[in-house]
């Protein structure tokens, strides 16, 4: 996992907001598939830093998160 600053490294990716996120809630998460990584960001701060995960790490995390 890496933390990436904003700055165009993910230009052209399509961000998808979590169905559990609301526009005024405290937990607004968006994800995007990029070449060789899955990006995660706070939708309230789209120009802020984002996590970059290897696809295998993301696939391992999803069952854990969906059980919560």
Protein backbone atom coordinates (compact mmCIF):
# COMPACT_ATOMS: atom_id res chain seq x y z
CA UNK A 1 0.00 0.00 0.00
CA UNK A 2 1.24 3.48 -0.79
CA UNK A 3 -0.04 6.96 -0.12
CA UNK A 4 -0.07 9.12 -3.24
CA UNK A 5 -0.33 12.89 -3.36
CA UNK A 6 -2.73 14.35 -5.86
CA UNK A 7 -1.27 15.76 -9.01
CA UNK A 8 -2.57 14.06 -12.07
CA UNK A 9 -1.11 10.59 -11.51
CA UNK A 10 -4.63 9.20 -11.78
CA UNK A 11 -5.94 11.36 -14.62
CA UNK A 12 -8.62 9.62 -16.61
CA UNK A 13 -9.75 7.12 -13.98
CA UNK A 14 -13.43 6.80 -13.12
CA UNK A 15 -14.10 7.22 -9.41
CA UNK A 16 -16.98 5.24 -7.88
CA UNK A 17 -18.55 6.37 -4.60
CA UNK A 18 -19.46 3.79 -2.00
CA UNK A 19 -23.20 3.12 -1.80
CA UNK A 20 -22.86 3.59 1.98
CA UNK A 21 -21.54 7.14 1.57
CA UNK A 22 -23.79 10.18 1.71
CA UNK A 23 -23.00 13.68 0.56
CA UNK A 24 -23.15 15.07 4.10
CA UNK A 25 -21.90 12.05 6.05
CA UNK A 26 -18.51 11.66 7.68
CA UNK A 27 -17.58 8.51 5.75
CA UNK A 28 -17.41 9.26 2.05
CA UNK A 29 -15.16 6.82 0.21
CA UNK A 30 -14.48 6.56 -3.50
CA UNK A 31 -12.45 3.94 -5.37
CA UNK A 32 -11.01 3.82 -8.87
CA UNK A 33 -9.23 1.14 -10.88
CA UNK A 34 -5.95 2.35 -12.35
CA UNK A 35 -3.26 0.36 -14.17
CA UNK A 36 -1.72 -1.99 -11.62
CA UNK A 37 -3.45 -0.50 -8.58
CA UNK A 38 -6.74 0.36 -6.92
CA UNK A 39 -7.04 3.95 -5.68
CA UNK A 40 -9.05 4.98 -2.61
CA UNK A 41 -9.83 8.57 -1.62
CA UNK A 42 -12.04 10.70 0.60
CA UNK A 43 -14.74 12.11 -1.67
CA UNK A 44 -14.93 15.26 0.45
CA UNK A 45 -11.29 15.97 -0.49
CA UNK A 46 -10.93 14.74 -4.09
CA UNK A 47 -7.68 16.66 -4.63
CA UNK A 48 -6.12 15.30 -1.44
CA UNK A 49 -3.99 12.21 -0.98
CA UNK A 50 -5.24 8.76 -1.82
CA UNK A 51 -4.26 5.22 -1.01
CA UNK A 52 -2.90 3.05 -3.80
CA UNK A 53 -3.33 -0.68 -3.25
CA UNK A 54 -2.16 -3.64 -5.26
CA UNK A 55 -5.16 -5.44 -6.78
CA UNK A 56 -4.42 -8.52 -4.64
CA UNK A 57 -4.41 -6.42 -1.46
CA UNK A 58 -7.75 -4.86 -2.45
CA UNK A 59 -9.24 -8.29 -3.17
CA UNK A 60 -8.11 -9.49 0.26
CA UNK A 61 -9.54 -6.40 1.98
CA UNK A 62 -13.02 -6.50 0.40
CA UNK A 63 -14.39 -9.58 2.23
CA UNK A 64 -13.13 -8.14 5.53
CA UNK A 65 -14.76 -4.75 4.92
CA UNK A 66 -18.05 -6.17 3.65
CA UNK A 67 -18.44 -8.24 6.82
CA UNK A 68 -18.35 -5.07 8.97
